[in-house]
C-alpha atoms as a PDB file:
ATOM      1  CA  MET A   1     -32.100 223.023  81.818  1.00  0.00           C
ATOM      2  CA  THR A   2     -34.791 221.495  79.692  1.00  0.00           C
ATOM      3  CA  SER A   3     -37.912 223.357  78.714  1.00  0.00           C
ATOM      4  CA  LEU A   4     -39.945 221.458  81.333  1.00  0.00           C
ATOM      5  CA  TYR A   5     -37.561 222.497  84.112  1.00  0.00           C
ATOM      6  CA  HIS A   6     -37.720 226.087  82.874  1.00  0.00           C
ATOM      7  CA  TRP A   7     -41.491 226.066  83.218  1.00  0.00           C
ATOM      8  CA  ILE A   8     -41.384 224.429  86.662  1.00  0.00           C
ATOM      9  CA  PHE A   9     -38.887 226.946  88.053  1.00  0.00           C
ATOM     10  CA  PHE A  10     -40.749 229.802  86.417  1.00  0.00           C
ATOM     11  CA  LEU A  11     -44.122 228.824  87.904  1.00  0.00           C
ATOM     12  CA  LEU A  12     -42.556 228.316  91.333  1.00  0.00           C
ATOM     13  CA  SER A  13     -40.917 231.737  91.038  1.00  0.00           C
ATOM     14  CA  VAL A  14     -44.211 233.400  90.107  1.00  0.00           C
ATOM     15  CA  ALA A  15     -45.908 231.783  93.096  1.00  0.00           C
ATOM     16  CA  LEU A  16     -43.200 232.241  95.736  1.00  0.00           C
ATOM     17  CA  LEU A  17     -40.917 235.153  94.830  1.00  0.00           C
ATOM     18  CA  PRO A  18     -43.578 237.918  95.195  1.00  0.00           C
ATOM     19  CA  VAL A  19     -44.272 236.780  98.751  1.00  0.00           C
ATOM     20  CA  LEU A  20     -40.559 236.417  99.536  1.00  0.00           C
ATOM     21  CA  VAL A  21     -39.652 239.833  98.121  1.00  0.00           C
ATOM     22  CA  LEU A  22     -42.414 241.572 100.075  1.00  0.00           C
ATOM     23  CA  GLY A  23     -41.434 239.679 103.218  1.00  0.00           C
ATOM     24  CA  THR A  24     -37.776 240.646 102.720  1.00  0.00           C
ATOM     25  CA  ILE A  25     -38.674 244.342 102.545  1.00  0.00           C
ATOM     26  CA  ARG A  26     -40.719 244.139 105.736  1.00  0.00           C
ATOM     27  CA  LYS A  27     -38.078 242.079 107.552  1.00  0.00           C
ATOM     28  CA  THR A  28     -35.306 244.496 106.554  1.00  0.00           C
ATOM     29  CA  LYS A  29     -37.284 247.476 107.814  1.00  0.00           C
ATOM     30  CA  ALA A  30     -38.044 245.685 111.077  1.00  0.00           C
ATOM     31  CA  ARG A  31     -34.403 244.771 111.745  1.00  0.00           C
ATOM     32  CA  LEU A  32     -33.283 248.351 111.043  1.00  0.00           C
ATOM     33  CA  GLN A  33     -35.814 249.474 113.663  1.00  0.00           C
ATOM     34  CA  ASN A  34     -34.455 246.955 116.217  1.00  0.00           C
ATOM     35  CA  ARG A  35     -37.544 244.773 115.927  1.00  0.00           C
ATOM     36  CA  ILE A  36     -37.742 241.062 115.147  1.00  0.00           C
ATOM     37  CA  GLY A  37     -40.511 241.714 112.669  1.00  0.00           C
ATOM     38  CA  PRO A  38     -42.877 239.249 111.000  1.00  0.00           C
ATOM     39  CA  PRO A  39     -41.548 236.059 109.379  1.00  0.00           C
ATOM     40  CA  LEU A  40     -40.510 236.192 105.733  1.00  0.00           C
ATOM     41  CA  TRP A  41     -43.592 234.210 104.701  1.00  0.00           C
ATOM     42  CA  GLN A  42     -46.054 236.437 106.571  1.00  0.00           C
ATOM     43  CA  PRO A  43     -47.403 237.923 103.281  1.00  0.00           C
ATOM     44  CA  PHE A  44     -48.367 234.381 102.239  1.00  0.00           C
ATOM     45  CA  TYR A  45     -50.263 233.846 105.488  1.00  0.00           C
ATOM     46  CA  ASP A  46     -51.995 237.201 104.974  1.00  0.00           C
ATOM     47  CA  LEU A  47     -53.089 236.209 101.455  1.00  0.00           C
ATOM     48  CA  VAL A  48     -54.456 232.882 102.688  1.00  0.00           C
ATOM     49  CA  LYS A  49     -56.375 234.669 105.457  1.00  0.00           C
ATOM     50  CA  LEU A  50     -57.849 237.159 102.986  1.00  0.00           C
ATOM     51  CA  ALA A  51     -58.829 234.343 100.630  1.00  0.00           C
ATOM     52  CA  HIS A  52     -60.955 232.783 103.386  1.00  0.00           C
ATOM     53  CA  LYS A  53     -62.742 236.009 104.265  1.00  0.00           C
ATOM     54  CA  GLY A  54     -65.986 237.300 102.814  1.00  0.00           C
ATOM     55  CA  GLU A  55     -66.321 240.448 100.734  1.00  0.00           C
ATOM     56  CA  THR A  56     -68.074 243.709 101.537  1.00  0.00           C
ATOM     57  CA  LEU A  57     -69.227 245.608  98.464  1.00  0.00           C
ATOM     58  CA  SER A  58     -70.618 249.114  98.210  1.00  0.00           C
ATOM     59  CA  LEU A  59     -74.121 249.534  96.778  1.00  0.00           C
ATOM     60  CA  THR A  60     -72.767 252.032  94.258  1.00  0.00           C
ATOM     61  CA  MET A  61     -70.459 249.471  92.663  1.00  0.00           C
ATOM     62  CA  CYS A  62     -71.145 247.808  89.355  1.00  0.00           C
ATOM     63  CA  GLY A  63     -69.277 244.948  87.680  1.00  0.00           C
ATOM     64  CA  VAL A  64     -66.242 247.100  86.880  1.00  0.00           C
ATOM     65  CA  PHE A  65     -64.868 246.804  90.425  1.00  0.00           C
ATOM     66  CA  ARG A  66     -64.568 243.026  90.380  1.00  0.00           C
ATOM     67  CA  LEU A  67     -63.660 242.910  86.696  1.00  0.00           C
ATOM     68  CA  SER A  68     -60.767 245.325  87.274  1.00  0.00           C
ATOM     69  CA  SER A  69     -59.003 243.071  89.797  1.00  0.00           C
ATOM     70  CA  ILE A  70     -59.345 240.043  87.496  1.00  0.00           C
ATOM     71  CA  VAL A  71     -58.063 241.941  84.451  1.00  0.00           C
ATOM     72  CA  VAL A  72     -55.133 243.403  86.415  1.00  0.00           C
ATOM     73  CA  PHE A  73     -54.199 239.962  87.763  1.00  0.00           C
ATOM     74  CA  ALA A  74     -54.355 238.382  84.298  1.00  0.00           C
ATOM     75  CA  ASP A  75     -52.409 241.296  82.805  1.00  0.00           C
ATOM     76  CA  ILE A  76     -49.630 240.985  85.382  1.00  0.00           C
ATOM     77  CA  LEU A  77     -49.404 237.233  84.719  1.00  0.00           C
ATOM     78  CA  VAL A  78     -48.933 237.959  80.997  1.00  0.00           C
ATOM     79  CA  LEU A  79     -46.282 240.538  81.881  1.00  0.00           C
ATOM     80  CA  ALA A  80     -44.516 237.944  84.046  1.00  0.00           C
ATOM     81  CA  TRP A  81     -44.373 235.677  80.994  1.00  0.00           C
ATOM     82  CA  LEU A  82     -43.263 238.347  78.519  1.00  0.00           C
ATOM     83  CA  THR A  83     -40.828 240.375  80.637  1.00  0.00           C
ATOM     84  CA  PRO A  84     -37.272 238.996  80.985  1.00  0.00           C
ATOM     85  CA  TRP A  85     -37.158 239.449  84.763  1.00  0.00           C
ATOM     86  CA  LEU A  86     -35.746 235.935  85.228  1.00  0.00           C
ATOM     87  CA  CYS A  87     -32.858 234.485  83.225  1.00  0.00           C
ATOM     88  CA  PHE A  88     -34.384 230.979  83.430  1.00  0.00           C
ATOM     89  CA  LYS A  89     -37.822 232.138  82.298  1.00  0.00           C
ATOM     90  CA  PRO A  90     -39.311 230.343  79.252  1.00  0.00           C
ATOM     91  CA  TRP A  91     -39.046 232.792  76.354  1.00  0.00           C
ATOM     92  CA  ALA A  92     -42.322 234.100  74.990  1.00  0.00           C
ATOM     93  CA  PRO A  93     -42.931 234.055  71.218  1.00  0.00           C
ATOM     94  CA  GLU A  94     -43.138 237.857  71.114  1.00  0.00           C
ATOM     95  CA  ALA A  95     -41.823 240.279  73.759  1.00  0.00           C
ATOM     96  CA  ASN A  96     -41.759 243.751  72.251  1.00  0.00           C
ATOM     97  CA  ILE A  97     -40.711 246.827  74.244  1.00  0.00           C
ATOM     98  CA  PHE A  98     -43.825 248.790  73.319  1.00  0.00           C
ATOM     99  CA  MET A  99     -46.134 245.864  74.110  1.00  0.00           C
ATOM    100  CA  LEU A 100     -44.579 245.749  77.562  1.00  0.00           C
ATOM    101  CA  VAL A 101     -45.290 249.442  78.179  1.00  0.00           C
ATOM    102  CA  TYR A 102     -48.867 249.099  76.889  1.00  0.00           C
ATOM    103  CA  LEU A 103     -49.546 246.143  79.188  1.00  0.00           C
ATOM    104  CA  PHE A 104     -48.317 248.106  82.213  1.00  0.00           C
ATOM    105  CA  ALA A 105     -50.597 250.959  81.124  1.00  0.00           C
ATOM    106  CA  LEU A 106     -53.520 248.526  80.788  1.00  0.00           C
ATOM    107  CA  ALA A 107     -53.028 247.342  84.369  1.00  0.00           C
ATOM    108  CA  ARG A 108     -52.923 250.935  85.586  1.00  0.00           C
ATOM    109  CA  MET A 109     -56.065 251.853  83.651  1.00  0.00           C
ATOM    110  CA  PHE A 110     -58.144 249.035  85.175  1.00  0.00           C
ATOM    111  CA  THR A 111     -56.767 249.790  88.626  1.00  0.00           C
ATOM    112  CA  LEU A 112     -57.999 253.367  88.194  1.00  0.00           C
ATOM    113  CA  LEU A 113     -61.390 252.171  86.940  1.00  0.00           C
ATOM    114  CA  GLY A 114     -61.801 249.867  89.929  1.00  0.00           C
ATOM    115  CA  SER A 115     -60.897 252.699  92.287  1.00  0.00           C
ATOM    116  CA  LEU A 116     -63.372 255.099  90.660  1.00  0.00           C
ATOM    117  CA  ASP A 117     -66.146 252.485  90.554  1.00  0.00           C
ATOM    118  CA  SER A 118     -66.111 252.180  94.343  1.00  0.00           C
ATOM    119  CA  GLY A 119     -67.524 255.703  94.623  1.00  0.00           C
ATOM    120  CA  SER A 120     -65.099 256.591  97.415  1.00  0.00           C
ATOM    121  CA  ALA A 121     -63.759 260.131  97.628  1.00  0.00           C
ATOM    122  CA  PHE A 122     -60.355 258.805  98.659  1.00  0.00           C
ATOM    123  CA  GLY A 123     -60.414 256.371  95.745  1.00  0.00           C
ATOM    124  CA  ALA A 124     -61.004 259.173  93.237  1.00  0.00           C
ATOM    125  CA  PHE A 125     -58.353 261.328  94.919  1.00  0.00           C
ATOM    126  CA  SER A 126     -55.688 258.599  94.796  1.00  0.00           C
ATOM    127  CA  ALA A 127     -56.701 257.598  91.253  1.00  0.00           C
ATOM    128  CA  SER A 128     -56.029 261.154  90.134  1.00  0.00           C
ATOM    129  CA  ARG A 129     -52.554 261.026  91.688  1.00  0.00           C
ATOM    130  CA  GLU A 130     -51.852 257.606  90.180  1.00  0.00           C
ATOM    131  CA  ALA A 131     -52.808 258.848  86.719  1.00  0.00           C
ATOM    132  CA  THR A 132     -50.509 261.850  87.131  1.00  0.00           C
ATOM    133  CA  LEU A 133     -47.577 259.687  88.224  1.00  0.00           C
ATOM    134  CA  GLY A 134     -48.182 257.260  85.374  1.00  0.00           C
ATOM    135  CA  LEU A 135     -48.167 260.101  82.856  1.00  0.00           C
ATOM    136  CA  LEU A 136     -44.846 261.374  84.224  1.00  0.00           C
ATOM    137  CA  VAL A 137     -42.970 258.096  84.704  1.00  0.00           C
ATOM    138  CA  GLU A 138     -43.959 256.149  81.570  1.00  0.00           C
ATOM    139  CA  PRO A 139     -41.573 258.121  79.286  1.00  0.00           C
ATOM    140  CA  ALA A 140     -38.667 257.297  81.609  1.00  0.00           C
ATOM    141  CA  VAL A 141     -39.377 253.543  81.497  1.00  0.00           C
ATOM    142  CA  LEU A 142     -39.925 253.606  77.745  1.00  0.00           C
ATOM    143  CA  LEU A 143     -36.720 255.570  77.063  1.00  0.00           C
ATOM    144  CA  ALA A 144     -34.680 253.213  79.260  1.00  0.00           C
ATOM    145  CA  LEU A 145     -35.899 250.211  77.267  1.00  0.00           C
ATOM    146  CA  VAL A 146     -35.551 252.057  73.963  1.00  0.00           C
ATOM    147  CA  ALA A 147     -31.914 252.863  74.828  1.00  0.00           C
ATOM    148  CA  LEU A 148     -31.228 249.148  75.129  1.00  0.00           C
ATOM    149  CA  GLY A 149     -33.148 248.508  71.916  1.00  0.00           C
ATOM    150  CA  ILE A 150     -31.116 251.117  70.019  1.00  0.00           C
ATOM    151  CA  PHE A 151     -27.816 249.719  71.255  1.00  0.00           C
ATOM    152  CA  PHE A 152     -28.665 246.108  70.383  1.00  0.00           C
ATOM    153  CA  GLY A 153     -30.586 246.998  67.221  1.00  0.00           C
ATOM    154  CA  SER A 154     -33.903 245.378  68.125  1.00  0.00           C
ATOM    155  CA  SER A 155     -37.139 246.111  69.959  1.00  0.00           C
ATOM    156  CA  ASP A 156     -37.495 242.434  70.892  1.00  0.00           C
ATOM    157  CA  LEU A 157     -36.659 241.849  74.547  1.00  0.00           C
ATOM    158  CA  ARG A 158     -35.517 238.312  73.733  1.00  0.00           C
ATOM    159  CA  VAL A 159     -32.736 239.728  71.558  1.00  0.00           C
ATOM    160  CA  ILE A 160     -31.845 242.531  73.979  1.00  0.00           C
ATOM    161  CA  PHE A 161     -31.565 240.283  77.029  1.00  0.00           C
ATOM    162  CA  SER A 162     -29.877 237.376  75.308  1.00  0.00           C
ATOM    163  CA  LEU A 163     -26.362 236.482  76.462  1.00  0.00           C
ATOM    164  CA  SER A 164     -24.902 236.074  72.978  1.00  0.00           C
ATOM    165  CA  SER A 165     -22.761 239.211  73.213  1.00  0.00           C
ATOM    166  CA  VAL A 166     -20.038 239.965  75.754  1.00  0.00           C
ATOM    167  CA  SER A 167     -20.434 243.197  77.709  1.00  0.00           C
ATOM    168  CA  THR A 168     -17.989 246.021  77.044  1.00  0.00           C
ATOM    169  CA  PHE A 169     -17.359 249.183  79.021  1.00  0.00           C
ATOM    170  CA  VAL A 170     -19.848 251.171  76.931  1.00  0.00           C
ATOM    171  CA  SER A 171     -22.557 248.510  76.990  1.00  0.00           C
ATOM    172  CA  SER A 172     -22.075 248.084  80.750  1.00  0.00           C
ATOM    173  CA  ALA A 173     -22.612 251.830  81.222  1.00  0.00           C
ATOM    174  CA  ILE A 174     -25.840 251.660  79.207  1.00  0.00           C
ATOM    175  CA  TRP A 175     -27.022 248.608  81.152  1.00  0.00           C
ATOM    176  CA  ILE A 176     -26.363 250.337  84.484  1.00  0.00           C
ATOM    177  CA  ALA A 177     -28.043 253.609  83.456  1.00  0.00           C
ATOM    178  CA  ALA A 178     -31.086 251.738  82.117  1.00  0.00           C
ATOM    179  CA  GLY A 179     -31.216 249.540  85.226  1.00  0.00           C
ATOM    180  CA  LEU A 180     -31.115 252.532  87.550  1.00  0.00           C
ATOM    181  CA  ALA A 181     -33.852 254.269  85.565  1.00  0.00           C
ATOM    182  CA  ILE A 182     -36.064 251.166  85.664  1.00  0.00           C
ATOM    183  CA  PHE A 183     -35.439 250.620  89.384  1.00  0.00           C
ATOM    184  CA  PHE A 184     -36.214 254.198  90.427  1.00  0.00           C
ATOM    185  CA  SER A 185     -39.205 254.222  88.066  1.00  0.00           C
ATOM    186  CA  SER A 186     -40.471 251.108  89.835  1.00  0.00           C
ATOM    187  CA  LEU A 187     -40.542 253.044  93.126  1.00  0.00           C
ATOM    188  CA  VAL A 188     -42.966 255.446  91.444  1.00  0.00           C
ATOM    189  CA  GLU A 189     -44.963 252.678  89.733  1.00  0.00           C
ATOM    190  CA  LEU A 190     -45.315 250.756  92.985  1.00  0.00           C
ATOM    191  CA  SER A 191     -45.977 253.837  95.154  1.00  0.00           C
ATOM    192  CA  ARG A 192     -42.992 253.169  97.405  1.00  0.00           C
ATOM    193  CA  MET A 193     -40.783 255.652  99.249  1.00  0.00           C
ATOM    194  CA  PRO A 194     -39.875 258.432  98.610  1.00  0.00           C
ATOM    195  CA  VAL A 195     -43.004 258.880  96.450  1.00  0.00           C
ATOM    196  CA  ASP A 196     -45.473 257.293  98.865  1.00  0.00           C
ATOM    197  CA  ASP A 197     -45.321 255.558 102.240  1.00  0.00           C
ATOM    198  CA  PRO A 198     -47.041 252.148 101.887  1.00  0.00           C
ATOM    199  CA  THR A 199     -47.323 251.753 105.680  1.00  0.00           C
ATOM    200  CA  THR A 200     -49.128 255.010 106.422  1.00  0.00           C
ATOM    201  CA  HIS A 201     -52.718 255.085 107.650  1.00  0.00           C
ATOM    202  CA  LEU A 202     -53.469 258.649 106.540  1.00  0.00           C
ATOM    203  CA  GLU A 203     -55.649 258.333 103.442  1.00  0.00           C
ATOM    204  CA  LEU A 204     -54.891 261.870 102.250  1.00  0.00           C
ATOM    205  CA  THR A 205     -51.248 260.924 101.595  1.00  0.00           C
ATOM    206  CA  MET A 206     -51.813 257.415 100.200  1.00  0.00           C
ATOM    207  CA  ILE A 207     -51.793 256.542  96.508  1.00  0.00           C
ATOM    208  CA  HIS A 208     -51.955 252.792  95.917  1.00  0.00           C
ATOM    209  CA  GLU A 209     -53.415 251.890  99.310  1.00  0.00           C
ATOM    210  CA  ALA A 210     -56.199 254.461  99.010  1.00  0.00           C
ATOM    211  CA  MET A 211     -57.228 253.015  95.630  1.00  0.00           C
ATOM    212  CA  ILE A 212     -57.941 249.615  97.198  1.00  0.00           C
ATOM    213  CA  LEU A 213     -59.621 250.801 100.410  1.00  0.00           C
ATOM    214  CA  GLU A 214     -62.952 249.331  99.295  1.00  0.00           C
ATOM    215  CA  ALA A 215     -61.475 245.934  98.375  1.00  0.00           C
ATOM    216  CA  SER A 216     -61.815 243.027 100.785  1.00  0.00           C
ATOM    217  CA  GLY A 217     -61.634 239.260 100.999  1.00  0.00           C
ATOM    218  CA  ARG A 218     -60.624 237.312  97.894  1.00  0.00           C
ATOM    219  CA  ASN A 219     -60.751 240.446  95.780  1.00  0.00           C
ATOM    220  CA  LEU A 220     -58.173 242.142  97.994  1.00  0.00           C
ATOM    221  CA  ALA A 221     -55.988 239.009  98.012  1.00  0.00           C
ATOM    222  CA  LEU A 222     -55.988 239.039  94.202  1.00  0.00           C
ATOM    223  CA  ILE A 223     -55.035 242.717  94.100  1.00  0.00           C
ATOM    224  CA  GLU A 224     -52.278 242.361  96.698  1.00  0.00           C
ATOM    225  CA  PHE A 225     -50.700 239.355  94.964  1.00  0.00           C
ATOM    226  CA  ALA A 226     -50.834 241.089  91.574  1.00  0.00           C
ATOM    227  CA  HIS A 227     -49.121 244.145  93.098  1.00  0.00           C
ATOM    228  CA  ALA A 228     -46.408 241.975  94.692  1.00  0.00           C
ATOM    229  CA  LEU A 229     -45.846 240.154  91.384  1.00  0.00           C
ATOM    230  CA  LYS A 230     -45.581 243.492  89.588  1.00  0.00           C
ATOM    231  CA  MET A 231     -42.948 244.487  92.136  1.00  0.00           C
ATOM    232  CA  CYS A 232     -40.997 241.313  91.346  1.00  0.00           C
ATOM    233  CA  ILE A 233     -41.185 241.956  87.601  1.00  0.00           C
ATOM    234  CA  LEU A 234     -39.869 245.514  87.870  1.00  0.00           C
ATOM    235  CA  PHE A 235     -37.148 244.681  90.406  1.00  0.00           C
ATOM    236  CA  GLY A 236     -36.199 241.602  88.395  1.00  0.00           C
ATOM    237  CA  LEU A 237     -35.941 243.617  85.182  1.00  0.00           C
ATOM    238  CA  ALA A 238     -33.643 246.143  86.887  1.00  0.00           C
ATOM    239  CA  SER A 239     -31.613 243.295  88.396  1.00  0.00           C
ATOM    240  CA  GLN A 240     -31.190 241.716  84.962  1.00  0.00           C
ATOM    241  CA  CYS A 241     -29.818 245.009  83.644  1.00  0.00           C
ATOM    242  CA  PHE A 242     -27.280 245.219  86.466  1.00  0.00           C
ATOM    243  CA  LEU A 243     -26.191 241.605  86.029  1.00  0.00           C
ATOM    244  CA  ARG A 244     -25.674 242.021  82.286  1.00  0.00           C
ATOM    245  CA  ALA A 245     -23.342 244.922  83.006  1.00  0.00           C
ATOM    246  CA  ILE A 246     -20.910 242.301  84.403  1.00  0.00           C
ATOM    247  CA  PRO A 247     -18.704 241.149  81.472  1.00  0.00           C
ATOM    248  CA  GLN A 248     -18.275 237.619  82.897  1.00  0.00           C
ATOM    249  CA  PHE A 249     -21.989 237.035  83.466  1.00  0.00           C
ATOM    250  CA  SER A 250     -22.496 235.419  80.044  1.00  0.00           C
ATOM    251  CA  THR A 251     -19.828 232.814  80.823  1.00  0.00           C
ATOM    252  CA  PHE A 252     -21.592 231.518  83.955  1.00  0.00           C
ATOM    253  CA  ASN A 253     -23.666 228.344  83.744  1.00  0.00           C
ATOM    254  CA  ILE A 254     -27.435 228.549  83.930  1.00  0.00           C
ATOM    255  CA  TYR A 255     -27.549 227.578  87.621  1.00  0.00           C
ATOM    256  CA  ALA A 256     -25.100 230.300  88.628  1.00  0.00           C
ATOM    257  CA  GLN A 257     -27.038 232.822  86.550  1.00  0.00           C
ATOM    258  CA  ALA A 258     -30.304 231.766  88.200  1.00  0.00           C
ATOM    259  CA  GLY A 259     -28.748 232.054  91.663  1.00  0.00           C
ATOM    260  CA  LEU A 260     -27.362 235.517  90.918  1.00  0.00           C
ATOM    261  CA  ASN A 261     -30.715 236.506  89.423  1.00  0.00           C
ATOM    262  CA  ILE A 262     -32.645 235.633  92.591  1.00  0.00           C
ATOM    263  CA  ALA A 263     -29.906 237.108  94.813  1.00  0.00           C
ATOM    264  CA  GLY A 264     -30.031 240.364  92.847  1.00  0.00           C
ATOM    265  CA  LEU A 265     -33.826 240.475  93.148  1.00  0.00           C
ATOM    266  CA  LEU A 266     -33.709 239.960  96.909  1.00  0.00           C
ATOM    267  CA  GLY A 267     -30.812 242.415  97.156  1.00  0.00           C
ATOM    268  CA  LEU A 268     -32.936 245.132  95.568  1.00  0.00           C
ATOM    269  CA  ALA A 269     -35.739 244.257  97.988  1.00  0.00           C
ATOM    270  CA  MET A 270     -33.343 244.719 100.910  1.00  0.00           C
ATOM    271  CA  PHE A 271     -32.184 248.022  99.439  1.00  0.00           C
ATOM    272  CA  VAL A 272     -35.809 249.188  99.218  1.00  0.00           C
ATOM    273  CA  GLY A 273     -36.268 248.260 102.881  1.00  0.00           C
ATOM    274  CA  LEU A 274     -33.138 250.252 103.730  1.00  0.00           C
ATOM    275  CA  LEU A 275     -34.314 253.182 101.614  1.00  0.00           C
ATOM    276  CA  GLU A 276     -37.733 253.256 103.257  1.00  0.00           C
ATOM    277  CA  SER A 277     -36.136 253.168 106.710  1.00  0.00           C
ATOM    278  CA  LEU A 278     -33.694 256.015 106.123  1.00  0.00           C
ATOM    279  CA  THR A 279     -35.593 258.398 103.837  1.00  0.00           C
ATOM    280  CA  VAL A 280     -38.695 260.493 104.279  1.00  0.00           C
ATOM    281  CA  LYS A 281     -41.614 260.892 101.933  1.00  0.00           C
ATOM    282  CA  LEU A 282     -41.256 263.710  99.439  1.00  0.00           C
ATOM    283  CA  GLN A 283     -43.778 266.509  99.272  1.00  0.00           C
ATOM    284  CA  TRP A 284     -46.171 266.019  96.389  1.00  0.00           C
ATOM    285  CA  ARG A 285     -44.803 268.979  94.437  1.00  0.00           C
ATOM    286  CA  LYS A 286     -41.267 267.539  94.771  1.00  0.00           C
ATOM    287  CA  VAL A 287     -42.178 264.206  93.172  1.00  0.00           C
ATOM    288  CA  PRO A 288     -41.958 265.552  89.564  1.00  0.00           C
ATOM    289  CA  GLU A 289     -38.379 266.601  90.308  1.00  0.00           C
ATOM    290  CA  PHE A 290     -37.560 263.052  91.434  1.00  0.00           C
ATOM    291  CA  ILE A 291     -39.089 261.695  88.215  1.00  0.00           C
ATOM    292  CA  ALA A 292     -37.100 264.279  86.223  1.00  0.00           C
ATOM    293  CA  TYR A 293     -33.869 262.768  87.586  1.00  0.00           C
ATOM    294  CA  ILE A 294     -35.070 259.324  86.469  1.00  0.00           C
ATOM    295  CA  LEU A 295     -35.884 260.689  83.019  1.00  0.00           C
ATOM    296  CA  SER A 296     -32.390 262.187  82.850  1.00  0.00           C
ATOM    297  CA  LEU A 297     -30.864 258.744  83.438  1.00  0.00           C
ATOM    298  CA  SER A 298     -32.977 257.339  80.604  1.00  0.00           C
ATOM    299  CA  LEU A 299     -31.964 260.186  78.305  1.00  0.00           C
ATOM    300  CA  ILE A 300     -28.275 259.653  79.101  1.00  0.00           C
ATOM    301  CA  ALA A 301     -28.614 255.963  78.236  1.00  0.00           C
ATOM    302  CA  SER A 302     -30.523 256.809  75.016  1.00  0.00           C
ATOM    303  CA  PHE A 303     -28.052 259.464  73.838  1.00  0.00           C
ATOM    304  CA  THR A 304     -25.120 257.143  74.592  1.00  0.00           C
ATOM    305  CA  ALA A 305     -26.727 254.337  72.593  1.00  0.00           C
ATOM    306  CA  ILE A 306     -27.475 256.706  69.680  1.00  0.00           C
ATOM    307  CA  GLY A 307     -23.887 258.024  69.752  1.00  0.00           C
ATOM    308  CA  ILE A 308     -22.388 254.537  69.712  1.00  0.00           C
ATOM    309  CA  GLY A 309     -24.726 253.566  66.886  1.00  0.00           C
ATOM    310  CA  ALA A 310     -23.635 256.575  64.843  1.00  0.00           C
ATOM    311  CA  ILE A 311     -19.960 255.662  65.365  1.00  0.00           C
ATOM    312  CA  LYS A 312     -20.594 252.090  64.259  1.00  0.00           C
END
């Protein structure tokens, strides 16, 4: 593929995959409940409908509320460019592990500010929970990426996710452990089951949904699309880890790699739909235990990478 084709496929993926992934989750849950469910492209229709609606703003709001959604959307777009969640993505000039973590933290910070600016009691309540979850899960994501960086001797994601080296048994184990840690961390980052039920209507148990209760119209459409794109980035990053655990993956041509990349992304979306249909939401005091298991996976990957490095 030429650079132009890379950019075309990347822009189409950014525009279409978030809607398709969200639609796949909803369709999977509907079929498991013996319902036909909405069409796969229903999230796109919902975004178009929201974009044509007017906004209702509280009198207590200042400019932070609207600014937060714009900053979060722009931040997620930068993350989509920097993060290697697609194998046919145009490589960014600099994609450092720590920059990635800081950009995710920046998006969370402005989401919290927008929630607090609305002056809603539920917004402040859910913002407090989101801040707590972010504090607990960030070390797990960072350690998973650092484990890969230690093993490949670089903090540059372009070097880590390049296909120049053939996977071995040890590297495959590290890829799988890091991928599992990133995937389960994404369930916390995205407020999915078993941490939070995104389909509930009880504000006292909601995290992400309660933070955007005051959003409406185009502002809500921007927030929802940014959240769906963030979901794609995290699922795609985990999928890339799993695919690179396959020793023969580096020998496939770029079209086969792209097909497996998208199939893996949609496969994780179907698994999330299955998980949300078969599991129940954890009690709030049990969530730190769930995150502790994720952190253990990251630590196993890190210690393995350090041990292999010491042997080398």
